Amino acid sequence: MTSPLQGRSAQVASELLHALNEPGEAIAPAALTIVRVEYPALDLGPYLQRLERMGETAAARLGRRGEPRAEAQIATLNAYLFEELGFSGNRERYDDPRNSFLNEVLDRRTGIPISLAVVYLEIGRRAGLRLEGVNFPGHFLVRVPAVSGSDELIVDPFHSGALLSEVDCRQLLRQHLGDEAAFDPTLLATATRQHIVVRMLVNLKRLYVRMRSFPQARFISDLLLTVDPSALSELRDRGLLAYHMEDFAAALRDLEAYLRMMPRGESAEAGGQVPHSEQERNESASSESSQIWEHVKALRRRVAGFN
């Protein structure tokens, strides 16, 4: 059974891959391609033009101030984005899928950390600032790299561009992962364009699964596998989503491929809980393989019955 969404997933996947392979650092074309899951006929051009105009205005603000210090430049950009334009983190309806669609974020001027970070990066870079995404656990951030002896800055677009110290980052980590979470400077590594797009897609897929919007979640899984064909967990999830949608032939293909490709001893992060010991990892992997194998056997019987 093919849903209307599945019928156009190949085209959207092709557009996304093209956007990711374009030269430069622009994220907006890829982020806007993702909105096709809900807005298939949307004209994306005006949104790119809006970002260009915002970037030009931000550049004028920065040029007028003529301030070379990074802290002052960020303060000027923050004043433009969060005070003048009114962008803000959507704390009240954090799980609203619209917070993950760049067109809605630009229209409503609210979003979650990663979508607001995309706006921040796109406008800041157009204004001439050197900025990088930071794939921090649970809360996406932005970095201003150190230059000419100045320290790097960590910016939180969800909280109106607040500057975070290492102590703040440690607290943020505990807030999202619990008191046992250990801070490591590698958690502040630069996020590539692909990292950012994958994280946006994973956020959306989790929301759709929670909402039991399985056709949309499966569409997102298609996009994730386009971006990273080696993502075994996405192959598994797409198969399970197809099973929920009673597309048994597709479910069987994905789950059989998953079992063939899964390295022995690999563990699944089921329910977000990561086993700590080697024994726990092996037991988790064995349990998951057994469950998937049971699904495969049931699917083979169903598919055979249709022939």
C-alpha atoms as a PDB file:
ATOM      1  CA  MET A   1       0.000   0.000   0.000  1.00  0.00           C
ATOM      2  CA  THR A   2       1.582   3.303  -1.094  1.00  0.00           C
ATOM      3  CA  SER A   3       0.493   6.516   0.614  1.00  0.00           C
ATOM      4  CA  PRO A   4       0.303   9.834  -1.274  1.00  0.00           C
ATOM      5  CA  LEU A   5       3.376  10.942   0.669  1.00  0.00           C
ATOM      6  CA  GLN A   6       5.368   7.926  -0.488  1.00  0.00           C
ATOM      7  CA  GLY A   7       4.499   8.765  -4.063  1.00  0.00           C
ATOM      8  CA  ARG A   8       6.521  11.989  -3.907  1.00  0.00           C
ATOM      9  CA  SER A   9       9.256  11.026  -1.445  1.00  0.00           C
ATOM     10  CA  ALA A  10      11.759  10.206  -4.204  1.00  0.00           C
ATOM     11  CA  GLN A  11      11.457  13.696  -5.716  1.00  0.00           C
ATOM     12  CA  VAL A  12      11.834  15.430  -2.355  1.00  0.00           C
ATOM     13  CA  ALA A  13      14.769  13.176  -1.484  1.00  0.00           C
ATOM     14  CA  SER A  14      16.455  14.152  -4.753  1.00  0.00           C
ATOM     15  CA  GLU A  15      15.910  17.864  -4.014  1.00  0.00           C
ATOM     16  CA  LEU A  16      17.324  17.440  -0.519  1.00  0.00           C
ATOM     17  CA  LEU A  17      20.418  15.647  -1.765  1.00  0.00           C
ATOM     18  CA  HIS A  18      20.978  18.391  -4.349  1.00  0.00           C
ATOM     19  CA  ALA A  19      20.713  21.096  -1.650  1.00  0.00           C
ATOM     20  CA  LEU A  20      23.153  19.252   0.604  1.00  0.00           C
ATOM     21  CA  ASN A  21      25.698  18.870  -2.198  1.00  0.00           C
ATOM     22  CA  GLU A  22      25.662  22.512  -3.235  1.00  0.00           C
ATOM     23  CA  PRO A  23      28.949  24.355  -2.569  1.00  0.00           C
ATOM     24  CA  GLY A  24      29.120  26.695   0.399  1.00  0.00           C
ATOM     25  CA  GLU A  25      27.595  26.583   3.869  1.00  0.00           C
ATOM     26  CA  ALA A  26      23.980  27.568   3.183  1.00  0.00           C
ATOM     27  CA  ILE A  27      21.519  25.485   5.185  1.00  0.00           C
ATOM     28  CA  ALA A  28      18.253  27.185   4.235  1.00  0.00           C
ATOM     29  CA  PRO A  29      17.724  25.410   0.858  1.00  0.00           C
ATOM     30  CA  ALA A  30      17.981  21.990   2.525  1.00  0.00           C
ATOM     31  CA  ALA A  31      15.938  23.068   5.558  1.00  0.00           C
ATOM     32  CA  LEU A  32      13.218  24.432   3.271  1.00  0.00           C
ATOM     33  CA  THR A  33      13.178  21.223   1.239  1.00  0.00           C
ATOM     34  CA  ILE A  34      12.179  19.374   4.425  1.00  0.00           C
ATOM     35  CA  VAL A  35       8.941  21.389   4.602  1.00  0.00           C
ATOM     36  CA  ARG A  36       7.694  19.495   1.541  1.00  0.00           C
ATOM     37  CA  VAL A  37       6.435  16.799   3.894  1.00  0.00           C
ATOM     38  CA  GLU A  38       3.616  19.170   4.950  1.00  0.00           C
ATOM     39  CA  TYR A  39       3.663  21.872   2.272  1.00  0.00           C
ATOM     40  CA  PRO A  40       4.235  20.117  -1.062  1.00  0.00           C
ATOM     41  CA  ALA A  41       3.256  23.069  -3.265  1.00  0.00           C
ATOM     42  CA  LEU A  42       4.876  25.852  -1.251  1.00  0.00           C
ATOM     43  CA  ASP A  43       6.970  28.357  -3.245  1.00  0.00           C
ATOM     44  CA  LEU A  44      10.286  28.346  -1.388  1.00  0.00           C
ATOM     45  CA  GLY A  45      11.752  31.311  -3.283  1.00  0.00           C
ATOM     46  CA  PRO A  46      10.148  34.056  -1.171  1.00  0.00           C
ATOM     47  CA  TYR A  47      11.569  32.529   2.014  1.00  0.00           C
ATOM     48  CA  LEU A  48      15.095  32.530   0.613  1.00  0.00           C
ATOM     49  CA  GLN A  49      14.575  36.127  -0.515  1.00  0.00           C
ATOM     50  CA  ARG A  50      13.349  37.064   2.971  1.00  0.00           C
ATOM     51  CA  LEU A  51      16.528  35.636   4.500  1.00  0.00           C
ATOM     52  CA  GLU A  52      18.577  37.640   1.998  1.00  0.00           C
ATOM     53  CA  ARG A  53      16.792  40.866   2.958  1.00  0.00           C
ATOM     54  CA  MET A  54      17.204  40.134   6.660  1.00  0.00           C
ATOM     55  CA  GLY A  55      20.891  39.437   6.097  1.00  0.00           C
ATOM     56  CA  GLU A  56      21.310  42.734   4.247  1.00  0.00           C
ATOM     57  CA  THR A  57      19.587  44.629   7.047  1.00  0.00           C
ATOM     58  CA  ALA A  58      21.730  42.881   9.678  1.00  0.00           C
ATOM     59  CA  ALA A  59      24.857  43.764   7.661  1.00  0.00           C
ATOM     60  CA  ALA A  60      23.783  47.410   7.621  1.00  0.00           C
ATOM     61  CA  ARG A  61      23.247  47.376  11.403  1.00  0.00           C
ATOM     62  CA  LEU A  62      26.701  45.866  11.937  1.00  0.00           C
ATOM     63  CA  GLY A  63      28.320  48.257   9.462  1.00  0.00           C
ATOM     64  CA  ARG A  64      26.747  51.296  11.080  1.00  0.00           C
ATOM     65  CA  ARG A  65      28.019  50.245  14.499  1.00  0.00           C
ATOM     66  CA  GLY A  66      31.500  49.561  13.134  1.00  0.00           C
ATOM     67  CA  GLU A  67      32.322  47.439  16.177  1.00  0.00           C
ATOM     68  CA  PRO A  68      35.099  44.861  15.598  1.00  0.00           C
ATOM     69  CA  ARG A  69      34.611  42.969  18.872  1.00  0.00           C
ATOM     70  CA  ALA A  70      32.684  39.715  18.503  1.00  0.00           C
ATOM     71  CA  GLU A  71      30.636  40.282  21.663  1.00  0.00           C
ATOM     72  CA  ALA A  72      29.398  43.630  20.374  1.00  0.00           C
ATOM     73  CA  GLN A  73      28.637  42.208  16.921  1.00  0.00           C
ATOM     74  CA  ILE A  74      26.581  39.421  18.482  1.00  0.00           C
ATOM     75  CA  ALA A  75      24.753  41.957  20.664  1.00  0.00           C
ATOM     76  CA  THR A  76      23.854  43.941  17.531  1.00  0.00           C
ATOM     77  CA  LEU A  77      22.664  40.825  15.699  1.00  0.00           C
ATOM     78  CA  ASN A  78      20.668  39.744  18.766  1.00  0.00           C
ATOM     79  CA  ALA A  79      18.993  43.141  19.013  1.00  0.00           C
ATOM     80  CA  TYR A  80      17.930  42.916  15.375  1.00  0.00           C
ATOM     81  CA  LEU A  81      16.683  39.308  15.473  1.00  0.00           C
ATOM     82  CA  PHE A  82      15.107  39.067  18.905  1.00  0.00           C
ATOM     83  CA  GLU A  83      14.075  42.635  19.732  1.00  0.00           C
ATOM     84  CA  GLU A  84      13.334  44.197  16.362  1.00  0.00           C
ATOM     85  CA  LEU A  85      12.071  41.117  14.457  1.00  0.00           C
ATOM     86  CA  GLY A  86      10.691  39.354  17.526  1.00  0.00           C
ATOM     87  CA  PHE A  87      12.107  35.850  17.084  1.00  0.00           C
ATOM     88  CA  SER A  88      11.790  33.750  20.244  1.00  0.00           C
ATOM     89  CA  GLY A  89      11.955  30.191  21.520  1.00  0.00           C
ATOM     90  CA  ASN A  90       8.568  28.472  21.604  1.00  0.00           C
ATOM     91  CA  ARG A  91       8.527  27.241  25.195  1.00  0.00           C
ATOM     92  CA  GLU A  92       4.738  26.943  25.422  1.00  0.00           C
ATOM     93  CA  ARG A  93       4.330  24.628  22.404  1.00  0.00           C
ATOM     94  CA  TYR A  94       7.790  23.144  22.070  1.00  0.00           C
ATOM     95  CA  ASP A  95       6.520  19.921  20.435  1.00  0.00           C
ATOM     96  CA  ASP A  96       4.484  21.666  17.739  1.00  0.00           C
ATOM     97  CA  PRO A  97       5.838  20.294  14.415  1.00  0.00           C
ATOM     98  CA  ARG A  98       5.636  23.796  12.947  1.00  0.00           C
ATOM     99  CA  ASN A  99       8.640  24.693  15.100  1.00  0.00           C
ATOM    100  CA  SER A 100      10.746  22.419  12.870  1.00  0.00           C
ATOM    101  CA  PHE A 101       9.623  23.820   9.504  1.00  0.00           C
ATOM    102  CA  LEU A 102      11.715  26.799   8.416  1.00  0.00           C
ATOM    103  CA  ASN A 103       8.848  28.465   6.536  1.00  0.00           C
ATOM    104  CA  GLU A 104       6.699  28.409   9.681  1.00  0.00           C
ATOM    105  CA  VAL A 105       9.592  29.616  11.841  1.00  0.00           C
ATOM    106  CA  LEU A 106      10.088  32.593   9.517  1.00  0.00           C
ATOM    107  CA  ASP A 107       6.337  33.308   9.347  1.00  0.00           C
ATOM    108  CA  ARG A 108       5.594  32.876  13.063  1.00  0.00           C
ATOM    109  CA  ARG A 109       9.045  33.954  14.307  1.00  0.00           C
ATOM    110  CA  THR A 110       9.246  31.184  16.856  1.00  0.00           C
ATOM    111  CA  GLY A 111      10.820  27.750  16.920  1.00  0.00           C
ATOM    112  CA  ILE A 112      13.003  25.245  18.740  1.00  0.00           C
ATOM    113  CA  PRO A 113      16.781  25.540  19.288  1.00  0.00           C
ATOM    114  CA  ILE A 114      17.856  24.023  15.983  1.00  0.00           C
ATOM    115  CA  SER A 115      15.389  25.861  13.740  1.00  0.00           C
ATOM    116  CA  LEU A 116      16.181  29.190  15.390  1.00  0.00           C
ATOM    117  CA  ALA A 117      19.883  28.346  15.049  1.00  0.00           C
ATOM    118  CA  VAL A 118      19.380  27.868  11.299  1.00  0.00           C
ATOM    119  CA  VAL A 119      17.814  31.336  11.075  1.00  0.00           C
ATOM    120  CA  TYR A 120      20.645  32.754  13.206  1.00  0.00           C
ATOM    121  CA  LEU A 121      23.338  31.115  11.071  1.00  0.00           C
ATOM    122  CA  GLU A 122      21.766  32.119   7.774  1.00  0.00           C
ATOM    123  CA  ILE A 123      21.198  35.765   8.690  1.00  0.00           C
ATOM    124  CA  GLY A 124      24.465  36.141  10.598  1.00  0.00           C
ATOM    125  CA  ARG A 125      26.537  34.706   7.767  1.00  0.00           C
ATOM    126  CA  ARG A 126      24.804  36.921   5.232  1.00  0.00           C
ATOM    127  CA  ALA A 127      25.706  39.856   7.471  1.00  0.00           C
ATOM    128  CA  GLY A 128      29.368  38.886   7.295  1.00  0.00           C
ATOM    129  CA  LEU A 129      29.796  37.085  10.626  1.00  0.00           C
ATOM    130  CA  ARG A 130      31.721  33.835  10.915  1.00  0.00           C
ATOM    131  CA  LEU A 131      29.362  31.401  12.667  1.00  0.00           C
ATOM    132  CA  GLU A 132      29.177  27.634  13.141  1.00  0.00           C
ATOM    133  CA  GLY A 133      26.476  25.265  14.321  1.00  0.00           C
ATOM    134  CA  VAL A 134      27.113  23.199  17.463  1.00  0.00           C
ATOM    135  CA  ASN A 135      25.362  19.821  17.698  1.00  0.00           C
ATOM    136  CA  PHE A 136      25.122  19.941  21.505  1.00  0.00           C
ATOM    137  CA  PRO A 137      23.075  17.118  23.090  1.00  0.00           C
ATOM    138  CA  GLY A 138      19.463  18.102  23.622  1.00  0.00           C
ATOM    139  CA  HIS A 139      19.893  21.763  22.685  1.00  0.00           C
ATOM    140  CA  PHE A 140      21.439  23.031  19.443  1.00  0.00           C
ATOM    141  CA  LEU A 141      23.803  26.005  19.796  1.00  0.00           C
ATOM    142  CA  VAL A 142      25.868  28.383  17.656  1.00  0.00           C
ATOM    143  CA  ARG A 143      29.568  29.218  17.933  1.00  0.00           C
ATOM    144  CA  VAL A 144      31.535  32.336  17.045  1.00  0.00           C
ATOM    145  CA  PRO A 145      35.044  30.890  16.477  1.00  0.00           C
ATOM    146  CA  ALA A 146      38.014  32.501  18.204  1.00  0.00           C
ATOM    147  CA  VAL A 147      39.870  34.992  15.999  1.00  0.00           C
ATOM    148  CA  SER A 148      42.860  37.297  16.560  1.00  0.00           C
ATOM    149  CA  GLY A 149      43.419  36.110  20.085  1.00  0.00           C
ATOM    150  CA  SER A 150      39.789  36.514  21.194  1.00  0.00           C
ATOM    151  CA  ASP A 151      37.969  33.658  22.887  1.00  0.00           C
ATOM    152  CA  GLU A 152      35.258  31.750  21.062  1.00  0.00           C
ATOM    153  CA  LEU A 153      31.665  32.504  21.973  1.00  0.00           C
ATOM    154  CA  ILE A 154      28.821  30.021  22.415  1.00  0.00           C
ATOM    155  CA  VAL A 155      25.425  31.500  21.547  1.00  0.00           C
ATOM    156  CA  ASP A 156      21.974  30.120  22.423  1.00  0.00           C
ATOM    157  CA  PRO A 157      19.452  31.366  19.813  1.00  0.00           C
ATOM    158  CA  PHE A 158      16.568  29.712  21.695  1.00  0.00           C
ATOM    159  CA  HIS A 159      17.215  32.056  24.616  1.00  0.00           C
ATOM    160  CA  SER A 160      17.494  35.287  22.611  1.00  0.00           C
ATOM    161  CA  GLY A 161      21.159  34.823  21.722  1.00  0.00           C
ATOM    162  CA  ALA A 162      22.421  34.418  25.288  1.00  0.00           C
ATOM    163  CA  LEU A 163      26.175  33.834  25.586  1.00  0.00           C
ATOM    164  CA  LEU A 164      27.001  30.599  27.426  1.00  0.00           C
ATOM    165  CA  SER A 165      30.067  29.849  29.506  1.00  0.00           C
ATOM    166  CA  GLU A 166      31.423  26.332  29.974  1.00  0.00           C
ATOM    167  CA  VAL A 167      29.603  26.237  33.310  1.00  0.00           C
ATOM    168  CA  ASP A 168      26.367  27.109  31.490  1.00  0.00           C
ATOM    169  CA  CYS A 169      27.006  24.329  28.964  1.00  0.00           C
ATOM    170  CA  ARG A 170      27.583  21.826  31.754  1.00  0.00           C
ATOM    171  CA  GLN A 171      24.315  22.858  33.374  1.00  0.00           C
ATOM    172  CA  LEU A 172      22.509  22.614  30.027  1.00  0.00           C
ATOM    173  CA  LEU A 173      23.858  19.095  29.551  1.00  0.00           C
ATOM    174  CA  ARG A 174      22.637  18.000  32.983  1.00  0.00           C
ATOM    175  CA  GLN A 175      19.272  19.582  32.276  1.00  0.00           C
ATOM    176  CA  HIS A 176      18.797  17.455  29.161  1.00  0.00           C
ATOM    177  CA  LEU A 177      20.648  14.242  30.023  1.00  0.00           C
ATOM    178  CA  GLY A 178      20.517  14.133  33.822  1.00  0.00           C
ATOM    179  CA  ASP A 179      22.970  14.710  36.648  1.00  0.00           C
ATOM    180  CA  GLU A 180      25.120  11.740  35.628  1.00  0.00           C
ATOM    181  CA  ALA A 181      25.956  13.238  32.215  1.00  0.00           C
ATOM    182  CA  ALA A 182      29.665  13.953  31.851  1.00  0.00           C
ATOM    183  CA  PHE A 183      30.693  17.106  30.010  1.00  0.00           C
ATOM    184  CA  ASP A 184      33.310  16.745  27.303  1.00  0.00           C
ATOM    185  CA  PRO A 185      34.601  19.576  25.089  1.00  0.00           C
ATOM    186  CA  THR A 186      33.970  17.377  22.045  1.00  0.00           C
ATOM    187  CA  LEU A 187      30.249  17.909  22.678  1.00  0.00           C
ATOM    188  CA  LEU A 188      30.860  21.430  21.343  1.00  0.00           C
ATOM    189  CA  ALA A 189      32.267  20.194  18.027  1.00  0.00           C
ATOM    190  CA  THR A 190      31.194  21.980  14.853  1.00  0.00           C
ATOM    191  CA  ALA A 191      28.080  20.606  13.165  1.00  0.00           C
ATOM    192  CA  THR A 192      28.251  20.139   9.406  1.00  0.00           C
ATOM    193  CA  ARG A 193      25.339  20.984   7.150  1.00  0.00           C
ATOM    194  CA  GLN A 194      24.518  17.260   7.008  1.00  0.00           C
ATOM    195  CA  HIS A 195      24.564  17.014  10.823  1.00  0.00           C
ATOM    196  CA  ILE A 196      22.096  19.887  11.059  1.00  0.00           C
ATOM    197  CA  VAL A 197      19.709  18.446   8.484  1.00  0.00           C
ATOM    198  CA  VAL A 198      19.831  14.980  10.048  1.00  0.00           C
ATOM    199  CA  ARG A 199      19.043  16.419  13.470  1.00  0.00           C
ATOM    200  CA  MET A 200      16.102  18.392  12.088  1.00  0.00           C
ATOM    201  CA  LEU A 201      14.769  15.247  10.426  1.00  0.00           C
ATOM    202  CA  VAL A 202      15.229  13.074  13.521  1.00  0.00           C
ATOM    203  CA  ASN A 203      13.362  15.646  15.628  1.00  0.00           C
ATOM    204  CA  LEU A 204      10.470  15.595  13.163  1.00  0.00           C
ATOM    205  CA  LYS A 205      10.361  11.820  12.945  1.00  0.00           C
ATOM    206  CA  ARG A 206      10.123  11.494  16.726  1.00  0.00           C
ATOM    207  CA  LEU A 207       7.280  14.006  16.824  1.00  0.00           C
ATOM    208  CA  TYR A 208       5.366  12.226  14.071  1.00  0.00           C
ATOM    209  CA  VAL A 209       5.803   8.832  15.737  1.00  0.00           C
ATOM    210  CA  ARG A 210       4.570  10.287  19.023  1.00  0.00           C
ATOM    211  CA  MET A 211       1.569  11.723  17.170  1.00  0.00           C
ATOM    212  CA  ARG A 212       1.073   8.359  15.411  1.00  0.00           C
ATOM    213  CA  SER A 213       1.375  10.179  12.090  1.00  0.00           C
ATOM    214  CA  PHE A 214       3.078   7.165  10.528  1.00  0.00           C
ATOM    215  CA  PRO A 215       2.950   8.218   6.838  1.00  0.00           C
ATOM    216  CA  GLN A 216       4.802  11.439   7.679  1.00  0.00           C
ATOM    217  CA  ALA A 217       7.283   9.602   9.903  1.00  0.00           C
ATOM    218  CA  ARG A 218       7.977   7.122   7.104  1.00  0.00           C
ATOM    219  CA  PHE A 219       8.492   9.981   4.651  1.00  0.00           C
ATOM    220  CA  ILE A 220      11.080  11.451   7.040  1.00  0.00           C
ATOM    221  CA  SER A 221      12.776   8.041   7.305  1.00  0.00           C
ATOM    222  CA  ASP A 222      13.080   8.012   3.507  1.00  0.00           C
ATOM    223  CA  LEU A 223      14.824  11.391   3.674  1.00  0.00           C
ATOM    224  CA  LEU A 224      17.128  10.272   6.477  1.00  0.00           C
ATOM    225  CA  LEU A 225      18.192   7.218   4.484  1.00  0.00           C
ATOM    226  CA  THR A 226      18.810   9.441   1.482  1.00  0.00           C
ATOM    227  CA  VAL A 227      21.114  11.645   3.542  1.00  0.00           C
ATOM    228  CA  ASP A 228      22.828   8.664   5.204  1.00  0.00           C
ATOM    229  CA  PRO A 229      22.180   5.306   3.484  1.00  0.00           C
ATOM    230  CA  SER A 230      24.271   3.543   6.157  1.00  0.00           C
ATOM    231  CA  ALA A 231      21.924   4.551   9.004  1.00  0.00           C
ATOM    232  CA  LEU A 232      20.779   1.082  10.087  1.00  0.00           C
ATOM    233  CA  SER A 233      18.475   2.400  12.801  1.00  0.00           C
ATOM    234  CA  GLU A 234      16.568   4.338  10.137  1.00  0.00           C
ATOM    235  CA  LEU A 235      16.263   1.235   7.967  1.00  0.00           C
ATOM    236  CA  ARG A 236      14.821  -0.616  10.967  1.00  0.00           C
ATOM    237  CA  ASP A 237      12.458   2.238  11.826  1.00  0.00           C
ATOM    238  CA  ARG A 238      11.244   2.584   8.248  1.00  0.00           C
ATOM    239  CA  GLY A 239      10.473  -1.114   8.198  1.00  0.00           C
ATOM    240  CA  LEU A 240       8.549  -0.899  11.460  1.00  0.00           C
ATOM    241  CA  LEU A 241       6.627   2.129  10.217  1.00  0.00           C
ATOM    242  CA  ALA A 242       5.709   0.264   7.038  1.00  0.00           C
ATOM    243  CA  TYR A 243       4.517  -2.605   9.257  1.00  0.00           C
ATOM    244  CA  HIS A 244       2.269  -0.189  11.203  1.00  0.00           C
ATOM    245  CA  MET A 245       0.876   1.044   7.883  1.00  0.00           C
ATOM    246  CA  GLU A 246       0.257  -2.553   6.721  1.00  0.00           C
ATOM    247  CA  ASP A 247       2.647  -2.180   3.809  1.00  0.00           C
ATOM    248  CA  PHE A 248       3.923  -5.662   4.543  1.00  0.00           C
ATOM    249  CA  ALA A 249       6.105  -6.185   1.473  1.00  0.00           C
ATOM    250  CA  ALA A 250       8.045  -2.967   2.110  1.00  0.00           C
ATOM    251  CA  ALA A 251       8.312  -3.777   5.819  1.00  0.00           C
ATOM    252  CA  LEU A 252       9.718  -7.211   5.011  1.00  0.00           C
ATOM    253  CA  ARG A 253      12.317  -5.768   2.616  1.00  0.00           C
ATOM    254  CA  ASP A 254      13.593  -3.244   5.157  1.00  0.00           C
ATOM    255  CA  LEU A 255      13.619  -5.542   8.180  1.00  0.00           C
ATOM    256  CA  GLU A 256      15.322  -8.385   6.325  1.00  0.00           C
ATOM    257  CA  ALA A 257      17.948  -5.932   5.063  1.00  0.00           C
ATOM    258  CA  TYR A 258      18.391  -4.593   8.585  1.00  0.00           C
ATOM    259  CA  LEU A 259      19.040  -8.056  10.028  1.00  0.00           C
ATOM    260  CA  ARG A 260      21.516  -8.843   7.248  1.00  0.00           C
ATOM    261  CA  MET A 261      23.440  -5.609   7.753  1.00  0.00           C
ATOM    262  CA  MET A 262      23.391  -5.265  11.546  1.00  0.00           C
ATOM    263  CA  PRO A 263      26.875  -5.975  12.940  1.00  0.00           C
ATOM    264  CA  ARG A 264      26.966  -8.685  15.540  1.00  0.00           C
ATOM    265  CA  GLY A 265      26.872  -7.233  19.026  1.00  0.00           C
ATOM    266  CA  GLU A 266      25.530  -3.840  17.953  1.00  0.00           C
ATOM    267  CA  SER A 267      23.020  -2.414  20.369  1.00  0.00           C
ATOM    268  CA  ALA A 268      19.910  -0.420  19.712  1.00  0.00           C
ATOM    269  CA  GLU A 269      19.138   2.661  21.720  1.00  0.00           C
ATOM    270  CA  ALA A 270      15.604   1.520  22.389  1.00  0.00           C
ATOM    271  CA  GLY A 271      13.505   4.102  24.141  1.00  0.00           C
ATOM    272  CA  GLY A 272      16.507   6.402  24.423  1.00  0.00           C
ATOM    273  CA  GLN A 273      18.177   4.170  27.040  1.00  0.00           C
ATOM    274  CA  VAL A 274      21.762   3.266  26.245  1.00  0.00           C
ATOM    275  CA  PRO A 275      23.115   0.072  27.849  1.00  0.00           C
ATOM    276  CA  HIS A 276      26.323   0.747  29.765  1.00  0.00           C
ATOM    277  CA  SER A 277      28.103  -2.592  30.135  1.00  0.00           C
ATOM    278  CA  GLU A 278      29.266  -4.936  27.391  1.00  0.00           C
ATOM    279  CA  GLN A 279      26.890  -7.585  28.692  1.00  0.00           C
ATOM    280  CA  GLU A 280      23.960  -5.174  28.616  1.00  0.00           C
ATOM    281  CA  ARG A 281      24.859  -4.133  25.065  1.00  0.00           C
ATOM    282  CA  ASN A 282      24.987  -7.730  23.900  1.00  0.00           C
ATOM    283  CA  GLU A 283      21.713  -8.568  25.646  1.00  0.00           C
ATOM    284  CA  SER A 284      20.043  -5.513  24.099  1.00  0.00           C
ATOM    285  CA  ALA A 285      21.282  -6.427  20.623  1.00  0.00           C
ATOM    286  CA  SER A 286      20.190 -10.050  21.024  1.00  0.00           C
ATOM    287  CA  SER A 287      16.756  -9.022  22.302  1.00  0.00           C
ATOM    288  CA  GLU A 288      16.214  -6.568  19.478  1.00  0.00           C
ATOM    289  CA  SER A 289      17.368  -9.048  16.835  1.00  0.00           C
ATOM    290  CA  SER A 290      14.959 -11.613  18.239  1.00  0.00           C
ATOM    291  CA  GLN A 291      12.075  -9.147  18.115  1.00  0.00           C
ATOM    292  CA  ILE A 292      12.862  -8.078  14.562  1.00  0.00           C
ATOM    293  CA  TRP A 293      13.246 -11.721  13.522  1.00  0.00           C
ATOM    294  CA  GLU A 294       9.785 -12.485  14.925  1.00  0.00           C
ATOM    295  CA  HIS A 295       8.386  -9.582  12.866  1.00  0.00           C
ATOM    296  CA  VAL A 296      10.150 -10.918   9.762  1.00  0.00           C
ATOM    297  CA  LYS A 297       8.706 -14.423  10.223  1.00  0.00           C
ATOM    298  CA  ALA A 298       5.195 -12.985  10.627  1.00  0.00           C
ATOM    299  CA  LEU A 299       5.686 -10.783   7.572  1.00  0.00           C
ATOM    300  CA  ARG A 300       6.900 -13.677   5.456  1.00  0.00           C
ATOM    301  CA  ARG A 301       3.730 -15.581   6.289  1.00  0.00           C
ATOM    302  CA  ARG A 302       1.568 -12.580   5.429  1.00  0.00           C
ATOM    303  CA  VAL A 303       3.362 -11.815   2.168  1.00  0.00           C
ATOM    304  CA  ALA A 304       3.306 -15.485   1.145  1.00  0.00           C
ATOM    305  CA  GLY A 305      -0.436 -15.487   1.727  1.00  0.00           C
ATOM    306  CA  PHE A 306      -0.865 -12.669  -0.798  1.00  0.00           C
ATOM    307  CA  ASN A 307       0.933 -14.556  -3.591  1.00  0.00           C
END
